[in-house]
Amino acid sequence: MLRRMKREFLIDTDTASDDAVALIMALRSPDVEVVAITTVAGNVEVQQATRNALYTAELCGSGVPVFTGAEKPLKRAHWSADWFHGRDGLGDHGYPAPRRAAEKMGAAEAIVELIEAHPGIVMVTLGPLTNVALALGKRPEIAKKVSRCVVMGGAPCCEGNVTPAAEYNIWCDPEAARIVARSQMPVEMVGWHLCRGEAVLNLKEIEKVLGFGTAVGKFAIECNSRAQEAFRVQTGEDGISLPDPVAMAVALEESIVTSASEHYWDVETKSELTRGMTVVDRLNVAEDERNREVWAEQVARGRKGKIVWTIDNRRWKEELFKRLR
């Protein structure tokens, strides 16, 4: 019998608590080879993100190469999310330093080389899109060599989590997000709305994970303790919200998506009120005469993004539980 080829993943992350769980899911998926992890400033400073990625990989027994990337957004100061994830991004539990160091090559250069070397690779982005934008600036044609680009980011047609209009990853570096939106990357937007409501890991399910008795299960819950408290303050919901693992679940198992459609989309970069807003042409009016001037570049490129509207929450959690057992 022919052996099934493993799918190759390239993961870009601002490694904090939910990112770490997403990394565990990919690293412990038997039919996936994580070719590399690249880190970016976002939830925490980039050096801390690198440390957290290395620690998480070691917890999974993986020697996946980790490349450190951008220290700040393209044109703006860096605003971390330590109020949500803790100073170290992992709930401030004092996890030890990883035993190995990151690679010497920078993340943007690594992204270019890795995509060139692995055409058809799946890219999963869990943080601000700074590294991806820098890589596209170096070699725009790599966009067409990626089979899927699953982006955890955006708040399509709904409220944001850092401002009324925007989700954090896009708000943090809206200029980078706009570059990606206007590129030929085959983006699948997994927005913040998908990790709320029934998608939240409730208190019973938290106990279920702890009951697995595994090191990765314990870590997944423990490192999200600060985030659990912050999420309650932010939304009034009890439980652990896991946006990055939801995005990873979509990358791992497309069939958990129950509703998605393709549309032109763009990112607001000039307004103080709506900075980082993901503007989605849900009713397909971008090509109407009144909108042609504003949407001319998007329409000319002809690349629409796939917007995920709903998922099967039971199945996304099953995917999570499989990787934490």
C-alpha atoms as a PDB file:
ATOM      1  CA  MET A   1       0.000   0.000   0.000  1.00  0.00           C
ATOM      2  CA  LEU A   2       1.135   3.533  -0.707  1.00  0.00           C
ATOM      3  CA  ARG A   3       1.952   5.579   2.372  1.00  0.00           C
ATOM      4  CA  ARG A   4      -0.022   8.793   2.667  1.00  0.00           C
ATOM      5  CA  MET A   5       2.172  11.861   2.262  1.00  0.00           C
ATOM      6  CA  LYS A   6       2.169  14.203   5.221  1.00  0.00           C
ATOM      7  CA  ARG A   7       0.833  17.693   4.670  1.00  0.00           C
ATOM      8  CA  GLU A   8       3.483  20.363   5.183  1.00  0.00           C
ATOM      9  CA  PHE A   9       2.667  23.331   7.435  1.00  0.00           C
ATOM     10  CA  LEU A  10       4.494  26.619   7.964  1.00  0.00           C
ATOM     11  CA  ILE A  11       3.221  28.397  11.099  1.00  0.00           C
ATOM     12  CA  ASP A  12       3.729  32.090  11.865  1.00  0.00           C
ATOM     13  CA  THR A  13       2.910  33.015  15.473  1.00  0.00           C
ATOM     14  CA  ASP A  14       3.167  35.645  18.213  1.00  0.00           C
ATOM     15  CA  THR A  15       3.288  32.739  20.637  1.00  0.00           C
ATOM     16  CA  ALA A  16       1.105  33.299  23.681  1.00  0.00           C
ATOM     17  CA  SER A  17      -1.336  31.021  25.473  1.00  0.00           C
ATOM     18  CA  ASP A  18      -3.795  30.120  22.709  1.00  0.00           C
ATOM     19  CA  ASP A  19      -1.012  30.077  20.085  1.00  0.00           C
ATOM     20  CA  ALA A  20       0.812  27.470  22.172  1.00  0.00           C
ATOM     21  CA  VAL A  21      -2.254  25.205  22.112  1.00  0.00           C
ATOM     22  CA  ALA A  22      -2.523  25.647  18.343  1.00  0.00           C
ATOM     23  CA  LEU A  23       1.140  24.665  17.970  1.00  0.00           C
ATOM     24  CA  ILE A  24       0.524  21.537  20.047  1.00  0.00           C
ATOM     25  CA  MET A  25      -2.363  20.580  17.756  1.00  0.00           C
ATOM     26  CA  ALA A  26      -0.187  20.832  14.640  1.00  0.00           C
ATOM     27  CA  LEU A  27       2.910  19.229  16.149  1.00  0.00           C
ATOM     28  CA  ARG A  28       0.880  16.269  17.459  1.00  0.00           C
ATOM     29  CA  SER A  29      -1.093  15.684  14.250  1.00  0.00           C
ATOM     30  CA  PRO A  30       0.239  12.465  12.706  1.00  0.00           C
ATOM     31  CA  ASP A  31      -0.510  13.450   9.107  1.00  0.00           C
ATOM     32  CA  VAL A  32       1.163  16.883   9.353  1.00  0.00           C
ATOM     33  CA  GLU A  33       4.807  17.864   9.183  1.00  0.00           C
ATOM     34  CA  VAL A  34       5.435  21.314  10.626  1.00  0.00           C
ATOM     35  CA  VAL A  35       8.346  22.428   8.441  1.00  0.00           C
ATOM     36  CA  ALA A  36       9.065  25.518  10.531  1.00  0.00           C
ATOM     37  CA  ILE A  37       7.679  28.020  13.007  1.00  0.00           C
ATOM     38  CA  THR A  38       8.291  31.742  12.539  1.00  0.00           C
ATOM     39  CA  THR A  39       7.650  34.274  15.283  1.00  0.00           C
ATOM     40  CA  VAL A  40       6.472  37.871  15.231  1.00  0.00           C
ATOM     41  CA  ALA A  41       5.845  40.653  17.725  1.00  0.00           C
ATOM     42  CA  GLY A  42       2.211  40.707  18.772  1.00  0.00           C
ATOM     43  CA  ASN A  43       0.798  39.273  21.974  1.00  0.00           C
ATOM     44  CA  VAL A  44       4.320  39.558  23.414  1.00  0.00           C
ATOM     45  CA  GLU A  45       7.693  40.881  22.299  1.00  0.00           C
ATOM     46  CA  VAL A  46       9.157  38.772  19.519  1.00  0.00           C
ATOM     47  CA  GLN A  47      11.980  37.294  21.618  1.00  0.00           C
ATOM     48  CA  GLN A  48       9.416  36.104  24.167  1.00  0.00           C
ATOM     49  CA  ALA A  49       7.288  34.696  21.346  1.00  0.00           C
ATOM     50  CA  THR A  50      10.335  32.751  20.151  1.00  0.00           C
ATOM     51  CA  ARG A  51      11.058  31.451  23.636  1.00  0.00           C
ATOM     52  CA  ASN A  52       7.440  30.331  24.022  1.00  0.00           C
ATOM     53  CA  ALA A  53       7.452  28.587  20.632  1.00  0.00           C
ATOM     54  CA  LEU A  54      10.649  26.712  21.471  1.00  0.00           C
ATOM     55  CA  TYR A  55       9.289  25.690  24.866  1.00  0.00           C
ATOM     56  CA  THR A  56       6.045  24.422  23.347  1.00  0.00           C
ATOM     57  CA  ALA A  57       7.881  22.470  20.664  1.00  0.00           C
ATOM     58  CA  GLU A  58      10.080  20.827  23.311  1.00  0.00           C
ATOM     59  CA  LEU A  59       6.996  19.894  25.302  1.00  0.00           C
ATOM     60  CA  CYS A  60       5.815  18.032  22.193  1.00  0.00           C
ATOM     61  CA  GLY A  61       9.200  16.378  21.684  1.00  0.00           C
ATOM     62  CA  SER A  62       9.717  18.302  18.444  1.00  0.00           C
ATOM     63  CA  GLY A  63      12.929  19.791  17.076  1.00  0.00           C
ATOM     64  CA  VAL A  64      11.095  21.916  14.503  1.00  0.00           C
ATOM     65  CA  PRO A  65      13.231  24.938  13.513  1.00  0.00           C
ATOM     66  CA  VAL A  66      12.050  28.264  14.891  1.00  0.00           C
ATOM     67  CA  PHE A  67      12.915  31.557  13.173  1.00  0.00           C
ATOM     68  CA  THR A  68      12.618  34.932  14.912  1.00  0.00           C
ATOM     69  CA  GLY A  69      10.915  37.675  12.932  1.00  0.00           C
ATOM     70  CA  ALA A  70       9.753  41.269  13.080  1.00  0.00           C
ATOM     71  CA  GLU A  71      10.170  43.171  16.346  1.00  0.00           C
ATOM     72  CA  LYS A  72       7.409  45.647  15.533  1.00  0.00           C
ATOM     73  CA  PRO A  73       4.715  46.363  12.961  1.00  0.00           C
ATOM     74  CA  LEU A  74       5.665  47.830   9.588  1.00  0.00           C
ATOM     75  CA  LYS A  75       4.769  51.450  10.362  1.00  0.00           C
ATOM     76  CA  ARG A  76       3.527  51.565  13.953  1.00  0.00           C
ATOM     77  CA  ALA A  77       4.615  51.100  17.530  1.00  0.00           C
ATOM     78  CA  HIS A  78       4.084  47.643  18.959  1.00  0.00           C
ATOM     79  CA  TRP A  79       1.210  47.222  21.437  1.00  0.00           C
ATOM     80  CA  SER A  80       1.361  43.869  23.186  1.00  0.00           C
ATOM     81  CA  ALA A  81      -1.582  41.953  24.654  1.00  0.00           C
ATOM     82  CA  ASP A  82       0.099  41.160  27.970  1.00  0.00           C
ATOM     83  CA  TRP A  83      -3.008  42.351  29.792  1.00  0.00           C
ATOM     84  CA  PHE A  84      -4.762  39.323  28.293  1.00  0.00           C
ATOM     85  CA  HIS A  85      -2.031  36.653  28.222  1.00  0.00           C
ATOM     86  CA  GLY A  86       0.309  37.744  31.035  1.00  0.00           C
ATOM     87  CA  ARG A  87       3.764  39.301  30.858  1.00  0.00           C
ATOM     88  CA  ASP A  88       5.346  36.140  29.446  1.00  0.00           C
ATOM     89  CA  GLY A  89       2.341  35.335  27.255  1.00  0.00           C
ATOM     90  CA  LEU A  90       1.786  32.019  29.022  1.00  0.00           C
ATOM     91  CA  GLY A  91      -0.047  33.186  32.131  1.00  0.00           C
ATOM     92  CA  ASP A  92       3.113  33.979  34.160  1.00  0.00           C
ATOM     93  CA  HIS A  93       3.623  30.493  35.565  1.00  0.00           C
ATOM     94  CA  GLY A  94       7.411  30.630  35.391  1.00  0.00           C
ATOM     95  CA  TYR A  95       8.009  28.003  32.732  1.00  0.00           C
ATOM     96  CA  PRO A  96      11.720  27.190  32.304  1.00  0.00           C
ATOM     97  CA  ALA A  97      13.797  28.480  29.411  1.00  0.00           C
ATOM     98  CA  PRO A  98      13.930  26.214  26.358  1.00  0.00           C
ATOM     99  CA  ARG A  99      17.030  24.087  25.915  1.00  0.00           C
ATOM    100  CA  ARG A 100      17.752  25.196  22.357  1.00  0.00           C
ATOM    101  CA  ALA A 101      17.958  28.450  20.467  1.00  0.00           C
ATOM    102  CA  ALA A 102      16.235  29.847  17.403  1.00  0.00           C
ATOM    103  CA  GLU A 103      17.788  29.662  13.952  1.00  0.00           C
ATOM    104  CA  LYS A 104      20.020  32.515  12.801  1.00  0.00           C
ATOM    105  CA  MET A 105      18.071  33.347   9.650  1.00  0.00           C
ATOM    106  CA  GLY A 106      15.308  35.922   9.995  1.00  0.00           C
ATOM    107  CA  ALA A 107      11.681  34.894   9.659  1.00  0.00           C
ATOM    108  CA  ALA A 108      10.882  36.812   6.454  1.00  0.00           C
ATOM    109  CA  GLU A 109      13.861  35.293   4.652  1.00  0.00           C
ATOM    110  CA  ALA A 110      12.962  31.860   6.025  1.00  0.00           C
ATOM    111  CA  ILE A 111       9.361  32.166   4.824  1.00  0.00           C
ATOM    112  CA  VAL A 112      10.560  32.928   1.283  1.00  0.00           C
ATOM    113  CA  GLU A 113      13.046  30.044   1.246  1.00  0.00           C
ATOM    114  CA  LEU A 114      10.665  27.537   2.815  1.00  0.00           C
ATOM    115  CA  ILE A 115       7.798  28.292   0.443  1.00  0.00           C
ATOM    116  CA  GLU A 116      10.151  28.078  -2.536  1.00  0.00           C
ATOM    117  CA  ALA A 117      11.446  24.739  -1.268  1.00  0.00           C
ATOM    118  CA  HIS A 118       7.999  23.346  -0.429  1.00  0.00           C
ATOM    119  CA  PRO A 119       5.527  24.414  -3.125  1.00  0.00           C
ATOM    120  CA  GLY A 120       1.978  23.634  -2.065  1.00  0.00           C
ATOM    121  CA  ILE A 121       2.744  24.197   1.607  1.00  0.00           C
ATOM    122  CA  VAL A 122      -0.075  25.218   3.964  1.00  0.00           C
ATOM    123  CA  MET A 123       0.614  28.471   5.804  1.00  0.00           C
ATOM    124  CA  VAL A 124      -1.135  29.136   9.116  1.00  0.00           C
ATOM    125  CA  THR A 125      -0.825  32.604  10.646  1.00  0.00           C
ATOM    126  CA  LEU A 126      -1.686  33.078  14.315  1.00  0.00           C
ATOM    127  CA  GLY A 127      -0.470  36.643  14.895  1.00  0.00           C
ATOM    128  CA  PRO A 128      -0.002  39.987  13.141  1.00  0.00           C
ATOM    129  CA  LEU A 129       0.900  39.551   9.480  1.00  0.00           C
ATOM    130  CA  THR A 130       4.159  41.525   9.573  1.00  0.00           C
ATOM    131  CA  ASN A 131       6.463  38.645   8.641  1.00  0.00           C
ATOM    132  CA  VAL A 132       4.204  37.541   5.800  1.00  0.00           C
ATOM    133  CA  ALA A 133       4.046  41.077   4.394  1.00  0.00           C
ATOM    134  CA  LEU A 134       7.838  41.403   4.555  1.00  0.00           C
ATOM    135  CA  ALA A 135       8.257  38.068   2.785  1.00  0.00           C
ATOM    136  CA  LEU A 136       5.810  39.122   0.069  1.00  0.00           C
ATOM    137  CA  GLY A 137       7.789  42.354  -0.328  1.00  0.00           C
ATOM    138  CA  LYS A 138      10.920  40.325  -0.985  1.00  0.00           C
ATOM    139  CA  ARG A 139       9.273  37.892  -3.409  1.00  0.00           C
ATOM    140  CA  PRO A 140       5.598  38.486  -4.261  1.00  0.00           C
ATOM    141  CA  GLU A 141       5.392  35.348  -6.388  1.00  0.00           C
ATOM    142  CA  ILE A 142       5.598  33.066  -3.348  1.00  0.00           C
ATOM    143  CA  ALA A 143       1.904  33.792  -2.768  1.00  0.00           C
ATOM    144  CA  LYS A 144       0.978  31.522  -5.686  1.00  0.00           C
ATOM    145  CA  LYS A 145       3.078  28.664  -4.302  1.00  0.00           C
ATOM    146  CA  VAL A 146       1.039  28.400  -1.076  1.00  0.00           C
ATOM    147  CA  SER A 147      -1.894  25.994  -1.296  1.00  0.00           C
ATOM    148  CA  ARG A 148      -3.779  27.511   1.645  1.00  0.00           C
ATOM    149  CA  CYS A 149      -3.119  30.505   3.894  1.00  0.00           C
ATOM    150  CA  VAL A 150      -5.285  30.087   6.994  1.00  0.00           C
ATOM    151  CA  VAL A 151      -5.329  33.424   8.816  1.00  0.00           C
ATOM    152  CA  MET A 152      -6.494  33.714  12.398  1.00  0.00           C
ATOM    153  CA  GLY A 153      -7.556  37.308  12.270  1.00  0.00           C
ATOM    154  CA  GLY A 154     -10.285  39.734  11.503  1.00  0.00           C
ATOM    155  CA  ALA A 155     -13.798  40.440  12.655  1.00  0.00           C
ATOM    156  CA  PRO A 156     -15.765  40.134   9.412  1.00  0.00           C
ATOM    157  CA  CYS A 157     -19.093  41.934   9.714  1.00  0.00           C
ATOM    158  CA  CYS A 158     -18.990  41.892  13.525  1.00  0.00           C
ATOM    159  CA  GLU A 159     -17.415  43.612  16.533  1.00  0.00           C
ATOM    160  CA  GLY A 160     -13.725  43.373  17.332  1.00  0.00           C
ATOM    161  CA  ASN A 161     -11.917  42.316  20.494  1.00  0.00           C
ATOM    162  CA  VAL A 162      -9.440  45.186  20.811  1.00  0.00           C
ATOM    163  CA  THR A 163     -11.585  48.026  19.448  1.00  0.00           C
ATOM    164  CA  PRO A 164     -15.274  48.067  18.501  1.00  0.00           C
ATOM    165  CA  ALA A 165     -14.191  47.614  14.889  1.00  0.00           C
ATOM    166  CA  ALA A 166     -11.111  45.410  14.883  1.00  0.00           C
ATOM    167  CA  GLU A 167      -9.607  42.107  15.977  1.00  0.00           C
ATOM    168  CA  TYR A 168      -6.155  42.311  17.599  1.00  0.00           C
ATOM    169  CA  ASN A 169      -3.955  40.555  15.008  1.00  0.00           C
ATOM    170  CA  ILE A 170      -5.175  42.792  12.195  1.00  0.00           C
ATOM    171  CA  TRP A 171      -5.327  45.949  14.353  1.00  0.00           C
ATOM    172  CA  CYS A 172      -1.745  45.427  15.565  1.00  0.00           C
ATOM    173  CA  ASP A 173      -0.324  45.775  12.036  1.00  0.00           C
ATOM    174  CA  PRO A 174      -3.067  46.840   9.636  1.00  0.00           C
ATOM    175  CA  GLU A 175      -0.598  47.850   6.924  1.00  0.00           C
ATOM    176  CA  ALA A 176       0.805  44.322   6.838  1.00  0.00           C
ATOM    177  CA  ALA A 177      -2.681  42.837   6.767  1.00  0.00           C
ATOM    178  CA  ARG A 178      -3.589  45.079   3.839  1.00  0.00           C
ATOM    179  CA  ILE A 179      -0.523  43.868   1.911  1.00  0.00           C
ATOM    180  CA  VAL A 180      -1.641  40.277   2.447  1.00  0.00           C
ATOM    181  CA  ALA A 181      -5.243  41.120   1.510  1.00  0.00           C
ATOM    182  CA  ARG A 182      -4.045  42.690  -1.739  1.00  0.00           C
ATOM    183  CA  SER A 183      -1.642  39.876  -2.595  1.00  0.00           C
ATOM    184  CA  GLN A 184      -2.302  36.602  -4.371  1.00  0.00           C
ATOM    185  CA  MET A 185      -2.229  34.640  -1.101  1.00  0.00           C
ATOM    186  CA  PRO A 186      -5.123  32.119  -0.949  1.00  0.00           C
ATOM    187  CA  VAL A 187      -6.398  33.506   2.344  1.00  0.00           C
ATOM    188  CA  GLU A 188      -8.965  31.725   4.488  1.00  0.00           C
ATOM    189  CA  MET A 189     -10.043  34.179   7.175  1.00  0.00           C
ATOM    190  CA  VAL A 190     -10.889  32.562  10.501  1.00  0.00           C
ATOM    191  CA  GLY A 191     -12.242  35.517  12.455  1.00  0.00           C
ATOM    192  CA  TRP A 192     -12.549  36.150  16.163  1.00  0.00           C
ATOM    193  CA  HIS A 193     -16.300  35.524  16.093  1.00  0.00           C
ATOM    194  CA  LEU A 194     -15.652  31.797  15.618  1.00  0.00           C
ATOM    195  CA  CYS A 195     -14.120  31.337  19.077  1.00  0.00           C
ATOM    196  CA  ARG A 196     -17.088  32.651  21.034  1.00  0.00           C
ATOM    197  CA  GLY A 197     -20.335  31.193  22.360  1.00  0.00           C
ATOM    198  CA  GLU A 198     -20.481  27.411  21.977  1.00  0.00           C
ATOM    199  CA  ALA A 199     -16.894  27.399  20.675  1.00  0.00           C
ATOM    200  CA  VAL A 200     -15.570  28.418  24.098  1.00  0.00           C
ATOM    201  CA  LEU A 201     -14.077  25.622  26.185  1.00  0.00           C
ATOM    202  CA  ASN A 202     -16.525  25.525  29.096  1.00  0.00           C
ATOM    203  CA  LEU A 203     -15.739  24.603  32.694  1.00  0.00           C
ATOM    204  CA  LYS A 204     -16.791  20.964  32.244  1.00  0.00           C
ATOM    205  CA  GLU A 205     -14.611  20.644  29.162  1.00  0.00           C
ATOM    206  CA  ILE A 206     -11.676  22.220  30.983  1.00  0.00           C
ATOM    207  CA  GLU A 207     -11.982  19.505  33.624  1.00  0.00           C
ATOM    208  CA  LYS A 208     -12.198  16.919  30.842  1.00  0.00           C
ATOM    209  CA  VAL A 209      -8.849  18.061  29.408  1.00  0.00           C
ATOM    210  CA  LEU A 210      -7.221  18.034  32.829  1.00  0.00           C
ATOM    211  CA  GLY A 211      -8.596  14.532  33.255  1.00  0.00           C
ATOM    212  CA  PHE A 212      -6.537  13.315  30.303  1.00  0.00           C
ATOM    213  CA  GLY A 213      -3.555  13.390  32.672  1.00  0.00           C
ATOM    214  CA  THR A 214      -1.138  14.464  29.927  1.00  0.00           C
ATOM    215  CA  ALA A 215       1.575  17.089  30.157  1.00  0.00           C
ATOM    216  CA  VAL A 216       0.263  18.875  27.065  1.00  0.00           C
ATOM    217  CA  GLY A 217      -3.309  18.866  28.414  1.00  0.00           C
ATOM    218  CA  LYS A 218      -2.231  20.324  31.746  1.00  0.00           C
ATOM    219  CA  PHE A 219      -0.111  22.958  30.007  1.00  0.00           C
ATOM    220  CA  ALA A 220      -2.915  23.904  27.600  1.00  0.00           C
ATOM    221  CA  ILE A 221      -5.254  24.730  30.468  1.00  0.00           C
ATOM    222  CA  GLU A 222      -2.654  26.203  32.823  1.00  0.00           C
ATOM    223  CA  CYS A 223      -1.056  28.595  30.337  1.00  0.00           C
ATOM    224  CA  ASN A 224      -4.513  29.966  29.493  1.00  0.00           C
ATOM    225  CA  SER A 225      -5.448  30.747  33.113  1.00  0.00           C
ATOM    226  CA  ARG A 226      -4.798  34.478  32.752  1.00  0.00           C
ATOM    227  CA  ALA A 227      -6.561  34.529  29.388  1.00  0.00           C
ATOM    228  CA  GLN A 228      -9.587  32.836  30.939  1.00  0.00           C
ATOM    229  CA  GLU A 229      -9.883  35.625  33.506  1.00  0.00           C
ATOM    230  CA  ALA A 230      -9.348  38.352  30.890  1.00  0.00           C
ATOM    231  CA  PHE A 231     -11.946  36.812  28.568  1.00  0.00           C
ATOM    232  CA  ARG A 232     -14.541  36.903  31.366  1.00  0.00           C
ATOM    233  CA  VAL A 233     -13.826  40.605  31.918  1.00  0.00           C
ATOM    234  CA  GLN A 234     -13.885  41.292  28.168  1.00  0.00           C
ATOM    235  CA  THR A 235     -17.065  39.452  27.195  1.00  0.00           C
ATOM    236  CA  GLY A 236     -18.767  38.196  30.356  1.00  0.00           C
ATOM    237  CA  GLU A 237     -18.363  34.614  29.097  1.00  0.00           C
ATOM    238  CA  ASP A 238     -16.981  31.853  31.346  1.00  0.00           C
ATOM    239  CA  GLY A 239     -14.422  29.464  29.917  1.00  0.00           C
ATOM    240  CA  ILE A 240     -11.346  29.548  27.713  1.00  0.00           C
ATOM    241  CA  SER A 241     -11.642  31.159  24.308  1.00  0.00           C
ATOM    242  CA  LEU A 242      -9.149  29.670  21.834  1.00  0.00           C
ATOM    243  CA  PRO A 243      -9.067  31.620  18.562  1.00  0.00           C
ATOM    244  CA  ASP A 244      -5.725  30.242  17.346  1.00  0.00           C
ATOM    245  CA  PRO A 245      -6.634  26.589  17.997  1.00  0.00           C
ATOM    246  CA  VAL A 246      -9.919  27.153  16.156  1.00  0.00           C
ATOM    247  CA  ALA A 247      -7.933  28.424  13.167  1.00  0.00           C
ATOM    248  CA  MET A 248      -5.577  25.461  13.444  1.00  0.00           C
ATOM    249  CA  ALA A 249      -8.548  23.095  13.547  1.00  0.00           C
ATOM    250  CA  VAL A 250      -9.782  24.619  10.284  1.00  0.00           C
ATOM    251  CA  ALA A 251      -6.315  24.153   8.782  1.00  0.00           C
ATOM    252  CA  LEU A 252      -6.147  20.541   9.958  1.00  0.00           C
ATOM    253  CA  GLU A 253      -9.686  19.533   9.091  1.00  0.00           C
ATOM    254  CA  GLU A 254     -11.454  21.737   6.532  1.00  0.00           C
ATOM    255  CA  SER A 255     -14.699  19.818   6.929  1.00  0.00           C
ATOM    256  CA  ILE A 256     -15.389  21.402  10.323  1.00  0.00           C
ATOM    257  CA  VAL A 257     -16.331  24.562   8.392  1.00  0.00           C
ATOM    258  CA  THR A 258     -20.100  24.634   7.975  1.00  0.00           C
ATOM    259  CA  SER A 259     -20.439  27.964   6.189  1.00  0.00           C
ATOM    260  CA  ALA A 260     -17.921  29.941   4.127  1.00  0.00           C
ATOM    261  CA  SER A 261     -17.932  32.099   1.031  1.00  0.00           C
ATOM    262  CA  GLU A 262     -15.453  33.990  -1.129  1.00  0.00           C
ATOM    263  CA  HIS A 263     -15.375  37.775  -1.240  1.00  0.00           C
ATOM    264  CA  TYR A 264     -13.116  40.714  -1.860  1.00  0.00           C
ATOM    265  CA  TRP A 265     -11.786  42.024   1.450  1.00  0.00           C
ATOM    266  CA  ASP A 266      -9.544  44.826   2.577  1.00  0.00           C
ATOM    267  CA  VAL A 267      -8.198  46.408   5.749  1.00  0.00           C
ATOM    268  CA  GLU A 268      -8.685  49.964   7.002  1.00  0.00           C
ATOM    269  CA  THR A 269      -5.337  51.687   7.674  1.00  0.00           C
ATOM    270  CA  LYS A 270      -6.116  55.415   7.855  1.00  0.00           C
ATOM    271  CA  SER A 271      -9.059  55.862  10.215  1.00  0.00           C
ATOM    272  CA  GLU A 272      -8.424  56.178  13.943  1.00  0.00           C
ATOM    273  CA  LEU A 273     -11.944  54.965  14.625  1.00  0.00           C
ATOM    274  CA  THR A 274     -11.814  51.839  12.468  1.00  0.00           C
ATOM    275  CA  ARG A 275      -8.070  51.059  12.283  1.00  0.00           C
ATOM    276  CA  GLY A 276      -7.597  47.406  11.382  1.00  0.00           C
ATOM    277  CA  MET A 277     -11.213  46.796  10.440  1.00  0.00           C
ATOM    278  CA  THR A 278     -11.575  43.879   8.023  1.00  0.00           C
ATOM    279  CA  VAL A 279     -13.982  45.165   5.402  1.00  0.00           C
ATOM    280  CA  VAL A 280     -15.628  42.224   3.633  1.00  0.00           C
ATOM    281  CA  ASP A 281     -17.687  42.622   0.465  1.00  0.00           C
ATOM    282  CA  ARG A 282     -20.267  40.139   1.715  1.00  0.00           C
ATOM    283  CA  LEU A 283     -23.027  41.326  -0.635  1.00  0.00           C
ATOM    284  CA  ASN A 284     -20.631  41.428  -3.630  1.00  0.00           C
ATOM    285  CA  VAL A 285     -21.087  45.117  -4.415  1.00  0.00           C
ATOM    286  CA  ALA A 286     -17.397  46.039  -4.855  1.00  0.00           C
ATOM    287  CA  GLU A 287     -17.722  46.026  -8.632  1.00  0.00           C
ATOM    288  CA  ASP A 288     -20.780  48.307  -8.644  1.00  0.00           C
ATOM    289  CA  GLU A 289     -20.147  51.685 -10.261  1.00  0.00           C
ATOM    290  CA  ARG A 290     -20.231  53.616  -6.978  1.00  0.00           C
ATOM    291  CA  ASN A 291     -17.517  51.372  -5.487  1.00  0.00           C
ATOM    292  CA  ARG A 292     -15.226  50.763  -8.448  1.00  0.00           C
ATOM    293  CA  GLU A 293     -12.720  53.487  -7.626  1.00  0.00           C
ATOM    294  CA  VAL A 294     -12.181  52.401  -4.027  1.00  0.00           C
ATOM    295  CA  TRP A 295     -12.058  48.677  -4.826  1.00  0.00           C
ATOM    296  CA  ALA A 296     -10.250  48.977  -8.172  1.00  0.00           C
ATOM    297  CA  GLU A 297      -7.010  47.325  -7.024  1.00  0.00           C
ATOM    298  CA  GLN A 298      -8.767  44.386  -5.403  1.00  0.00           C
ATOM    299  CA  VAL A 299     -11.023  43.797  -8.372  1.00  0.00           C
ATOM    300  CA  ALA A 300      -8.117  44.091 -10.819  1.00  0.00           C
ATOM    301  CA  ARG A 301      -6.144  41.435  -8.950  1.00  0.00           C
ATOM    302  CA  GLY A 302      -9.162  39.157  -9.000  1.00  0.00           C
ATOM    303  CA  ARG A 303      -8.195  37.334  -5.810  1.00  0.00           C
ATOM    304  CA  LYS A 304     -10.997  36.866  -3.320  1.00  0.00           C
ATOM    305  CA  GLY A 305     -10.554  35.621   0.221  1.00  0.00           C
ATOM    306  CA  LYS A 306     -12.464  32.714   1.700  1.00  0.00           C
ATOM    307  CA  ILE A 307     -14.336  33.977   4.756  1.00  0.00           C
ATOM    308  CA  VAL A 308     -15.325  31.346   7.308  1.00  0.00           C
ATOM    309  CA  TRP A 309     -18.676  32.255   8.860  1.00  0.00           C
ATOM    310  CA  THR A 310     -19.545  29.212  10.985  1.00  0.00           C
ATOM    311  CA  ILE A 311     -17.951  25.970  12.147  1.00  0.00           C
ATOM    312  CA  ASP A 312     -19.108  22.743  13.773  1.00  0.00           C
ATOM    313  CA  ASN A 313     -18.191  23.482  17.384  1.00  0.00           C
ATOM    314  CA  ARG A 314     -18.477  19.889  18.521  1.00  0.00           C
ATOM    315  CA  ARG A 315     -16.053  18.741  15.843  1.00  0.00           C
ATOM    316  CA  TRP A 316     -13.559  21.545  16.465  1.00  0.00           C
ATOM    317  CA  LYS A 317     -13.393  20.501  20.109  1.00  0.00           C
ATOM    318  CA  GLU A 318     -12.989  16.862  19.134  1.00  0.00           C
ATOM    319  CA  GLU A 319      -9.983  17.889  17.049  1.00  0.00           C
ATOM    320  CA  LEU A 320      -8.547  19.704  20.073  1.00  0.00           C
ATOM    321  CA  PHE A 321      -9.165  16.827  22.467  1.00  0.00           C
ATOM    322  CA  LYS A 322      -7.481  14.336  20.108  1.00  0.00           C
ATOM    323  CA  ARG A 323      -4.247  16.339  20.225  1.00  0.00           C
ATOM    324  CA  LEU A 324      -4.250  16.902  23.999  1.00  0.00           C
ATOM    325  CA  ARG A 325      -4.855  13.290  25.057  1.00  0.00           C
END
